């Protein structure tokens, strides 16, 4: 892939809401990833990684927001995020949360929504128990496998 084509692809990612682009051609494979903005005050220039035919270097993880409560106990029953996205406790702004601390939860019961790629995915509990703590703030980004709720 020539440099003009590569620059066009980088510009496309830069000027759009796309966070990642991967193209495979006969000459090789190119993957362009726009780094997530850091959670600091001030503007930061987006970072791009492009390596035709070579493995992508790993970007440093973004700084995590401070958590007011302690991390969940390793032996606790946890409901974890099945995907990367944005965590929402209710189906709409101002609506009642799916579950509150102290609520009993059964397998198959909806407990929250994780928005991924503009699609609202209702997350269901796979375990039963009583909600002890909500581990994520409403509207915060979540990672795959990240604990969302601690049950007792």
Protein backbone atom coordinates (compact mmCIF):
# COMPACT_ATOMS: atom_id res chain seq x y z
CA UNK A 1 0.00 0.00 0.00
CA UNK A 2 1.49 3.35 -0.96
CA UNK A 3 1.89 6.25 1.45
CA UNK A 4 -0.77 8.43 -0.22
CA UNK A 5 -3.37 5.71 0.29
CA UNK A 6 -2.21 5.23 3.89
CA UNK A 7 -2.40 8.98 4.60
CA UNK A 8 -5.93 9.07 3.14
CA UNK A 9 -6.96 6.26 5.47
CA UNK A 10 -5.41 7.98 8.50
CA UNK A 11 -7.25 11.21 7.58
CA UNK A 12 -10.51 9.27 7.21
CA UNK A 13 -10.19 7.84 10.73
CA UNK A 14 -9.14 11.23 12.11
CA UNK A 15 -12.10 13.12 10.68
CA UNK A 16 -14.79 10.54 11.52
CA UNK A 17 -16.29 8.80 14.53
CA UNK A 18 -14.44 5.63 13.56
CA UNK A 19 -12.06 4.50 16.28
CA UNK A 20 -10.48 1.61 14.39
CA UNK A 21 -10.01 0.64 10.73
CA UNK A 22 -8.43 -2.54 9.37
CA UNK A 23 -7.83 -3.22 5.67
CA UNK A 24 -6.34 -6.35 4.13
CA UNK A 25 -4.97 -6.25 0.60
CA UNK A 26 -2.69 -8.48 -1.44
CA UNK A 27 0.36 -6.45 -0.34
CA UNK A 28 -0.42 -6.79 3.35
CA UNK A 29 -2.63 -5.70 6.18
CA UNK A 30 -3.05 -2.21 7.68
CA UNK A 31 -4.73 -1.42 10.98
CA UNK A 32 -5.28 2.16 12.13
CA UNK A 33 -6.46 2.77 15.69
CA UNK A 34 -7.43 6.18 17.04
CA UNK A 35 -6.37 6.39 20.68
CA UNK A 36 -9.13 7.22 23.17
CA UNK A 37 -8.86 10.73 24.58
CA UNK A 38 -7.35 10.83 28.04
CA UNK A 39 -9.59 11.94 30.87
CA UNK A 40 -7.69 15.13 31.61
CA UNK A 41 -8.65 18.74 31.09
CA UNK A 42 -7.21 20.15 27.88
CA UNK A 43 -7.05 19.03 24.29
CA UNK A 44 -4.80 16.19 23.24
CA UNK A 45 -3.95 15.29 19.68
CA UNK A 46 -5.23 11.83 18.68
CA UNK A 47 -2.56 9.18 18.23
CA UNK A 48 -2.46 6.78 15.31
CA UNK A 49 -0.69 3.50 14.82
CA UNK A 50 -0.28 2.11 11.32
CA UNK A 51 1.99 -0.74 10.40
CA UNK A 52 1.56 -2.31 6.96
CA UNK A 53 2.06 -6.06 7.28
CA UNK A 54 3.44 -5.80 10.84
CA UNK A 55 1.80 -6.49 14.17
CA UNK A 56 0.32 -3.50 15.94
CA UNK A 57 2.19 -2.06 18.92
CA UNK A 58 0.12 -2.03 22.08
CA UNK A 59 -0.98 1.40 23.24
CA UNK A 60 -0.66 2.29 26.89
CA UNK A 61 -3.94 1.78 28.74
CA UNK A 62 -5.95 4.91 29.48
CA UNK A 63 -5.92 6.13 33.05
CA UNK A 64 -8.86 4.73 34.95
CA UNK A 65 -11.21 6.97 36.88
CA UNK A 66 -10.73 6.75 40.63
CA UNK A 67 -13.16 4.42 42.35
CA UNK A 68 -14.62 5.64 45.62
CA UNK A 69 -15.34 2.12 46.89
CA UNK A 70 -12.93 -0.74 47.36
CA UNK A 71 -12.50 -3.31 44.61
CA UNK A 72 -14.79 -6.36 44.79
CA UNK A 73 -13.63 -9.31 46.85
CA UNK A 74 -12.20 -12.11 44.68
CA UNK A 75 -14.64 -14.67 46.15
CA UNK A 76 -17.73 -12.43 45.64
CA UNK A 77 -20.38 -13.29 43.07
CA UNK A 78 -19.98 -10.81 40.23
CA UNK A 79 -22.00 -9.83 37.19
CA UNK A 80 -19.42 -8.91 34.54
CA UNK A 81 -19.73 -6.98 31.30
CA UNK A 82 -19.91 -9.30 28.27
CA UNK A 83 -18.67 -6.52 25.98
CA UNK A 84 -16.92 -3.18 25.71
CA UNK A 85 -19.24 -0.18 25.77
CA UNK A 86 -20.95 2.41 27.94
CA UNK A 87 -22.76 1.31 31.11
CA UNK A 88 -26.31 2.52 31.85
CA UNK A 89 -28.34 1.50 34.92
CA UNK A 90 -31.71 2.38 33.33
CA UNK A 91 -33.37 2.01 29.93
CA UNK A 92 -33.66 5.80 29.48
CA UNK A 93 -32.45 8.97 31.19
CA UNK A 94 -34.64 9.62 34.21
CA UNK A 95 -36.12 6.10 34.14
CA UNK A 96 -36.02 3.75 37.14
CA UNK A 97 -32.80 1.69 37.36
CA UNK A 98 -33.09 -2.00 36.43
CA UNK A 99 -31.74 -3.00 39.87
CA UNK A 100 -30.86 -1.19 43.09
CA UNK A 101 -28.65 -2.19 46.02
CA UNK A 102 -30.64 -4.71 48.08
CA UNK A 103 -32.69 -6.04 45.13
CA UNK A 104 -32.85 -9.81 44.55
CA UNK A 105 -31.58 -10.84 41.12
CA UNK A 106 -32.40 -14.08 39.27
CA UNK A 107 -30.71 -15.63 36.23
CA UNK A 108 -32.09 -14.10 33.02
CA UNK A 109 -33.17 -10.87 34.73
CA UNK A 110 -32.07 -7.64 33.02
CA UNK A 111 -29.70 -5.68 35.28
CA UNK A 112 -28.35 -2.90 33.04
CA UNK A 113 -27.62 -1.79 29.48
CA UNK A 114 -24.23 -1.63 27.77
CA UNK A 115 -24.25 0.55 24.66
CA UNK A 116 -21.83 -0.59 21.99
CA UNK A 117 -21.67 0.91 18.50
CA UNK A 118 -24.94 2.83 19.04
CA UNK A 119 -26.75 -0.41 19.94
CA UNK A 120 -28.31 -0.75 23.39
CA UNK A 121 -27.57 -4.26 24.69
CA UNK A 122 -29.64 -5.37 27.68
CA UNK A 123 -27.37 -7.30 30.05
CA UNK A 124 -28.96 -10.18 31.95
CA UNK A 125 -27.71 -11.79 35.14
CA UNK A 126 -26.34 -15.31 34.82
CA UNK A 127 -26.43 -15.85 38.59
CA UNK A 128 -28.82 -15.26 41.44
CA UNK A 129 -28.25 -13.23 44.58
CA UNK A 130 -28.88 -9.87 46.19
CA UNK A 131 -27.19 -6.75 44.81
CA UNK A 132 -24.57 -5.72 47.36
CA UNK A 133 -22.84 -2.98 45.33
CA UNK A 134 -23.02 -1.31 41.92
CA UNK A 135 -19.36 -1.12 40.84
CA UNK A 136 -19.70 1.28 37.86
CA UNK A 137 -21.08 4.81 37.65
CA UNK A 138 -23.90 5.44 35.19
CA UNK A 139 -22.57 6.56 31.77
CA UNK A 140 -19.04 5.25 32.36
CA UNK A 141 -17.14 3.15 29.80
CA UNK A 142 -16.70 -0.54 30.62
CA UNK A 143 -14.32 -3.19 29.33
CA UNK A 144 -15.01 -6.81 28.45
CA UNK A 145 -15.12 -8.88 31.66
CA UNK A 146 -15.19 -5.84 33.95
CA UNK A 147 -17.30 -6.42 37.09
CA UNK A 148 -20.52 -4.37 37.07
CA UNK A 149 -22.38 -5.64 40.14
CA UNK A 150 -21.34 -7.48 43.29
CA UNK A 151 -23.94 -9.92 44.63
CA UNK A 152 -24.14 -11.67 47.99
